[in-house]
């Protein structure tokens, strides 16, 4: 019977499974007679039936794959995102045939493909967003941190308020500016390389909003809280000047604290050169990705380094 195995397999695909089981249980003579009849059937017909079965299997796999692609997906933000913004966009996609809800409220503005990007306000601290679609659920925990430094408690500087907060490097003769938050009516100064720089109280300090302000419509300056003290100085000799030391005097008491960043004055005659080694180098107006992008610089562009931050 081994010689009939390929034909048996083709027969099984070509006929009803119940009939095939009955054939298998028949006598050897009956089976041989039946197989003789089957051979008169066009092999192309059996091949067509087998191909149809394969197509059905492929279609089922394709439908399963499409079903998985239509599942809920959040592109932005991550599940444990942190920001200082007062609003956030939830960007994602889901099957357009079923609704998507955020904290129980349906998202009405969606594309024909099911994409969505609503924005929601954020409170200071932890914000929970539960996104549901059919039987799927994604929980996002968005933490909004204050963009204002904490106010000083007692006779002390405001937490993380001393600048430079990072290492900086400047050319000789360039202004080096310092800032601190301290109690009102205090006497503040900075000692750097044996030079004492007084810091004066500022009537009002405002912070410009981030680049996202153009999307949220909130492009007004943000007034800062606390008493700001600022001052600037110049250094003519190159070298490492170390960390500036801030001094706070009020009500007969004096407190000193060093800034996190150190100050270096670059050489006016020995320069470092930066060169773009990729096809398009990204240039920005400041030393972080929160600053605006400029036109990409082409490969091979060179520039003298006249300052550093961070």
Protein backbone atom coordinates (compact mmCIF):
# COMPACT_ATOMS: atom_id res chain seq x y z
CA UNK A 1 0.00 0.00 0.00
CA UNK A 2 3.01 2.29 0.35
CA UNK A 3 2.91 3.01 -3.40
CA UNK A 4 -0.55 4.52 -3.02
CA UNK A 5 0.39 7.03 -0.27
CA UNK A 6 0.70 10.10 -2.57
CA UNK A 7 -2.61 9.27 -4.21
CA UNK A 8 -4.25 8.72 -0.84
CA UNK A 9 -3.14 12.19 0.26
CA UNK A 10 -4.53 13.77 -2.89
CA UNK A 11 -7.74 11.76 -2.46
CA UNK A 12 -8.14 12.92 1.10
CA UNK A 13 -8.02 16.56 -0.03
CA UNK A 14 -10.33 15.94 -2.98
CA UNK A 15 -13.24 14.17 -1.26
CA UNK A 16 -15.40 14.40 1.81
CA UNK A 17 -13.49 13.37 4.99
CA UNK A 18 -16.30 10.99 6.10
CA UNK A 19 -16.20 9.18 2.77
CA UNK A 20 -12.45 8.92 2.96
CA UNK A 21 -12.62 7.34 6.44
CA UNK A 22 -15.08 4.73 5.13
CA UNK A 23 -12.74 3.99 2.22
CA UNK A 24 -9.77 3.46 4.52
CA UNK A 25 -11.76 0.91 6.53
CA UNK A 26 -12.72 -1.06 3.37
CA UNK A 27 -11.09 -4.28 2.23
CA UNK A 28 -7.89 -4.14 0.23
CA UNK A 29 -9.72 -5.27 -2.94
CA UNK A 30 -12.40 -2.63 -2.53
CA UNK A 31 -9.79 0.03 -1.89
CA UNK A 32 -7.89 -0.93 -5.03
CA UNK A 33 -11.08 -0.80 -7.10
CA UNK A 34 -11.91 2.61 -5.65
CA UNK A 35 -8.45 3.92 -6.37
CA UNK A 36 -8.79 2.70 -9.93
CA UNK A 37 -11.90 4.84 -10.25
CA UNK A 38 -10.21 7.83 -8.64
CA UNK A 39 -7.37 7.72 -11.16
CA UNK A 40 -9.88 8.51 -13.87
CA UNK A 41 -10.51 11.86 -12.22
CA UNK A 42 -8.44 14.64 -13.74
CA UNK A 43 -5.27 15.26 -11.66
CA UNK A 44 -5.78 18.95 -12.40
CA UNK A 45 -9.11 18.85 -10.55
CA UNK A 46 -7.53 17.36 -7.45
CA UNK A 47 -4.69 19.83 -7.71
CA UNK A 48 -7.22 22.69 -7.98
CA UNK A 49 -9.04 21.50 -4.85
CA UNK A 50 -5.80 21.27 -2.93
CA UNK A 51 -4.84 24.76 -4.10
CA UNK A 52 -8.22 26.10 -3.00
CA UNK A 53 -7.64 24.68 0.46
CA UNK A 54 -4.22 26.31 0.60
CA UNK A 55 -5.70 29.64 -0.50
CA UNK A 56 -8.28 29.41 2.27
CA UNK A 57 -5.52 28.79 4.80
CA UNK A 58 -3.52 31.75 3.46
CA UNK A 59 -6.57 34.00 3.56
CA UNK A 60 -7.17 33.03 7.17
CA UNK A 61 -3.55 33.84 8.06
CA UNK A 62 -3.83 37.17 6.27
CA UNK A 63 -7.03 38.01 8.15
CA UNK A 64 -5.36 37.11 11.46
CA UNK A 65 -2.39 39.32 10.55
CA UNK A 66 -4.65 42.23 9.64
CA UNK A 67 -6.56 41.76 12.88
CA UNK A 68 -3.33 42.10 14.83
CA UNK A 69 -2.35 45.21 12.88
CA UNK A 70 -5.66 46.84 13.74
CA UNK A 71 -5.09 46.51 17.51
CA UNK A 72 -4.75 49.58 19.72
CA UNK A 73 -1.34 51.25 19.54
CA UNK A 74 -0.10 54.41 21.30
CA UNK A 75 2.80 56.12 19.55
CA UNK A 76 3.24 58.97 22.05
CA UNK A 77 3.68 59.39 24.97
CA UNK A 78 5.35 56.45 26.68
CA UNK A 79 3.54 54.72 29.55
CA UNK A 80 5.58 56.57 32.20
CA UNK A 81 6.16 59.95 30.57
CA UNK A 82 7.38 63.06 32.43
CA UNK A 83 6.96 66.63 31.25
CA UNK A 84 6.67 70.23 32.43
CA UNK A 85 4.00 71.11 29.87
CA UNK A 86 0.43 71.81 31.00
CA UNK A 87 -1.02 69.77 28.10
CA UNK A 88 -0.12 66.61 26.23
CA UNK A 89 -1.06 64.94 22.95
CA UNK A 90 -2.08 61.28 22.89
CA UNK A 91 -1.05 60.04 19.47
CA UNK A 92 -2.03 56.57 18.31
CA UNK A 93 -4.15 54.37 16.08
CA UNK A 94 -6.79 51.66 16.29
CA UNK A 95 -9.28 49.86 14.08
CA UNK A 96 -11.69 52.46 12.63
CA UNK A 97 -14.64 50.06 13.03
CA UNK A 98 -14.68 50.40 16.84
CA UNK A 99 -14.54 53.42 19.14
CA UNK A 100 -11.56 54.54 21.24
CA UNK A 101 -12.15 56.06 24.67
CA UNK A 102 -9.84 57.95 27.01
CA UNK A 103 -10.95 57.84 30.65
CA UNK A 104 -14.39 56.81 29.46
CA UNK A 105 -14.83 59.60 26.90
CA UNK A 106 -14.96 58.74 23.20
CA UNK A 107 -12.43 60.24 20.77
CA UNK A 108 -14.53 61.67 17.95
CA UNK A 109 -11.84 63.23 15.77
CA UNK A 110 -10.18 60.30 14.00
CA UNK A 111 -8.93 59.73 10.47
CA UNK A 112 -10.48 57.19 8.11
CA UNK A 113 -7.64 54.82 9.01
CA UNK A 114 -8.39 55.16 12.72
CA UNK A 115 -5.53 57.48 13.70
CA UNK A 116 -6.08 59.98 16.52
CA UNK A 117 -4.17 62.79 18.31
CA UNK A 118 -6.32 64.56 20.94
CA UNK A 119 -4.73 66.80 23.58
CA UNK A 120 -5.54 66.80 27.29
CA UNK A 121 -4.72 69.19 30.17
CA UNK A 122 -2.26 68.09 32.84
CA UNK A 123 -2.29 68.82 36.55
CA UNK A 124 0.89 69.12 38.58
CA UNK A 125 1.85 65.61 39.69
CA UNK A 126 0.57 62.28 38.40
CA UNK A 127 -2.06 62.09 35.63
CA UNK A 128 -3.63 58.75 34.66
CA UNK A 129 -5.07 58.14 31.18
CA UNK A 130 -6.88 54.86 30.47
CA UNK A 131 -7.20 54.25 26.71
CA UNK A 132 -9.66 51.51 25.67
CA UNK A 133 -10.51 49.95 22.32
CA UNK A 134 -12.74 46.86 22.14
CA UNK A 135 -11.20 44.43 24.66
CA UNK A 136 -7.81 46.19 24.79
CA UNK A 137 -6.65 48.67 27.42
CA UNK A 138 -3.52 50.81 27.78
CA UNK A 139 -2.86 52.81 30.95
CA UNK A 140 -0.57 55.86 30.70
CA UNK A 141 0.92 57.53 33.76
CA UNK A 142 1.95 61.09 32.85
CA UNK A 143 3.82 63.06 35.51
CA UNK A 144 3.81 66.82 35.18
CA UNK A 145 6.67 68.48 37.01
CA UNK A 146 6.70 72.16 37.83
CA UNK A 147 8.85 74.33 35.58
CA UNK A 148 9.49 76.64 38.54
CA UNK A 149 12.21 75.88 41.10
CA UNK A 150 11.04 75.39 44.70
CA UNK A 151 11.05 78.51 46.86
CA UNK A 152 13.83 78.74 49.44
CA UNK A 153 12.99 77.69 52.98
CA UNK A 154 14.58 79.85 55.67
CA UNK A 155 17.99 81.34 55.00
CA UNK A 156 18.97 79.31 51.97
CA UNK A 157 19.13 79.37 48.20
CA UNK A 158 16.26 77.95 46.17
CA UNK A 159 16.76 74.30 45.29
CA UNK A 160 18.57 73.86 41.93
CA UNK A 161 18.46 77.62 41.35
CA UNK A 162 22.20 78.34 41.15
CA UNK A 163 23.63 78.89 37.68
CA UNK A 164 25.71 77.81 35.92
CA UNK A 165 23.98 74.48 36.56
CA UNK A 166 26.32 72.76 34.05
CA UNK A 167 29.95 73.18 33.07
CA UNK A 168 30.43 76.14 30.72
CA UNK A 169 33.32 77.44 28.64
CA UNK A 170 33.65 80.98 27.27
CA UNK A 171 36.15 83.05 25.32
CA UNK A 172 38.25 85.67 27.18
CA UNK A 173 36.35 88.91 27.66
CA UNK A 174 32.94 87.27 27.22
CA UNK A 175 30.25 87.87 29.83
CA UNK A 176 29.73 85.09 32.35
CA UNK A 177 26.35 85.42 34.07
CA UNK A 178 25.19 84.01 37.40
CA UNK A 179 21.74 83.59 38.91
CA UNK A 180 20.19 82.45 42.18
CA UNK A 181 16.85 82.40 43.97
CA UNK A 182 17.06 83.59 47.57
CA UNK A 183 14.93 85.25 50.26
CA UNK A 184 13.92 88.90 49.71
CA UNK A 185 16.22 91.70 50.87
CA UNK A 186 19.24 89.41 50.96
CA UNK A 187 22.81 90.34 50.07
CA UNK A 188 24.01 87.91 47.37
CA UNK A 189 27.46 87.67 45.78
CA UNK A 190 29.54 85.17 43.82
CA UNK A 191 33.25 84.47 44.29
CA UNK A 192 35.04 83.17 41.18
CA UNK A 193 38.83 83.01 40.84
CA UNK A 194 39.36 85.53 43.67
CA UNK A 195 36.89 87.93 42.05
CA UNK A 196 33.69 88.90 43.91
CA UNK A 197 30.65 89.61 41.73
CA UNK A 198 27.58 91.16 43.37
CA UNK A 199 24.15 89.83 42.34
CA UNK A 200 21.25 92.27 42.31
CA UNK A 201 17.58 91.55 42.86
CA UNK A 202 15.47 91.60 39.69
CA UNK A 203 12.02 93.19 39.77
CA UNK A 204 10.49 90.50 37.56
CA UNK A 205 11.94 87.58 35.64
CA UNK A 206 9.90 85.88 32.92
CA UNK A 207 10.55 82.59 31.15
CA UNK A 208 9.70 82.10 27.50
CA UNK A 209 7.44 79.11 26.74
CA UNK A 210 8.80 76.06 24.96
CA UNK A 211 8.47 75.24 21.27
CA UNK A 212 5.22 73.33 21.93
CA UNK A 213 3.51 76.67 22.65
CA UNK A 214 2.82 77.09 18.93
CA UNK A 215 0.72 73.90 19.04
CA UNK A 216 -1.20 74.65 22.22
CA UNK A 217 -1.70 78.37 21.60
CA UNK A 218 -0.11 79.25 24.96
CA UNK A 219 2.75 81.45 23.72
CA UNK A 220 2.78 84.08 26.46
CA UNK A 221 5.81 84.61 28.76
CA UNK A 222 5.60 82.79 32.08
CA UNK A 223 6.34 84.97 35.16
CA UNK A 224 8.75 83.32 37.58
CA UNK A 225 8.05 82.94 41.27
CA UNK A 226 10.57 83.76 43.97
CA UNK A 227 13.21 86.47 44.31
CA UNK A 228 15.78 86.26 41.54
CA UNK A 229 19.31 87.66 41.90
CA UNK A 230 21.49 88.08 38.81
CA UNK A 231 24.90 89.43 37.88
CA UNK A 232 27.62 89.10 35.24
CA UNK A 233 31.41 89.44 35.00
CA UNK A 234 34.30 88.97 32.57
CA UNK A 235 37.49 86.95 32.76
CA UNK A 236 40.49 87.83 30.61
CA UNK A 237 42.86 84.92 31.28
CA UNK A 238 42.26 81.42 29.91
CA UNK A 239 42.16 78.46 32.26
CA UNK A 240 39.93 76.50 34.62
CA UNK A 241 38.29 78.90 37.08
CA UNK A 242 36.50 76.16 39.02
CA UNK A 243 33.03 76.25 40.57
CA UNK A 244 31.56 79.66 41.51
CA UNK A 245 30.79 80.02 45.22
CA UNK A 246 27.56 81.82 46.09
CA UNK A 247 27.25 83.76 49.36
CA UNK A 248 23.95 84.72 50.95
CA UNK A 249 23.81 87.16 53.86
CA UNK A 250 20.60 88.19 55.62
CA UNK A 251 19.76 89.15 59.21
CA UNK A 252 23.41 88.77 60.25
CA UNK A 253 23.68 85.19 58.97
CA UNK A 254 25.77 84.01 56.02
CA UNK A 255 25.33 80.87 53.93
CA UNK A 256 27.67 79.69 51.16
CA UNK A 257 27.02 77.16 48.41
CA UNK A 258 28.86 76.21 45.21
CA UNK A 259 27.16 76.09 41.82
CA UNK A 260 26.95 72.64 40.16
CA UNK A 261 28.84 73.75 37.05
CA UNK A 262 32.39 74.96 36.69
CA UNK A 263 33.69 77.79 34.50
CA UNK A 264 36.48 77.46 31.94
CA UNK A 265 37.99 80.24 29.82
CA UNK A 266 39.12 78.99 26.39
CA UNK A 267 42.40 79.89 24.76
CA UNK A 268 42.17 82.82 22.30
CA UNK A 269 44.89 81.34 20.09
CA UNK A 270 44.39 77.55 20.24
CA UNK A 271 41.01 76.59 18.86
CA UNK A 272 39.08 73.35 18.64
CA UNK A 273 37.27 72.71 15.36
CA UNK A 274 33.95 70.89 14.99
CA UNK A 275 33.19 69.13 11.70
CA UNK A 276 29.97 67.58 10.43
CA UNK A 277 30.73 63.94 9.57
CA UNK A 278 27.21 62.81 8.62
CA UNK A 279 25.21 63.75 5.54
CA UNK A 280 23.11 66.32 7.42
CA UNK A 281 24.12 67.66 10.83
CA UNK A 282 21.39 69.05 13.10
CA UNK A 283 22.08 72.56 14.38
CA UNK A 284 20.08 74.20 17.17
CA UNK A 285 19.88 77.63 18.77
CA UNK A 286 20.96 76.26 22.17
CA UNK A 287 22.65 73.32 23.92
CA UNK A 288 19.72 70.91 24.13
CA UNK A 289 16.90 69.43 22.06
CA UNK A 290 14.40 71.88 23.59
CA UNK A 291 15.92 74.65 21.46
CA UNK A 292 14.72 75.35 17.93
CA UNK A 293 16.30 73.50 15.04
CA UNK A 294 18.16 75.34 12.32
CA UNK A 295 18.76 74.33 8.72
CA UNK A 296 20.73 71.04 8.68
CA UNK A 297 24.43 71.55 8.02
CA UNK A 298 25.86 69.55 5.09
CA UNK A 299 28.65 67.02 5.53
CA UNK A 300 32.08 68.63 5.75
CA UNK A 301 30.92 71.87 7.39
CA UNK A 302 33.50 73.15 9.90
CA UNK A 303 33.25 75.73 12.68
CA UNK A 304 35.45 77.06 15.48
CA UNK A 305 34.33 76.14 18.99
CA UNK A 306 34.09 79.42 20.91
CA UNK A 307 31.90 78.21 23.78
CA UNK A 308 30.61 75.09 25.52
CA UNK A 309 27.77 74.22 27.83
CA UNK A 310 27.13 70.88 29.47
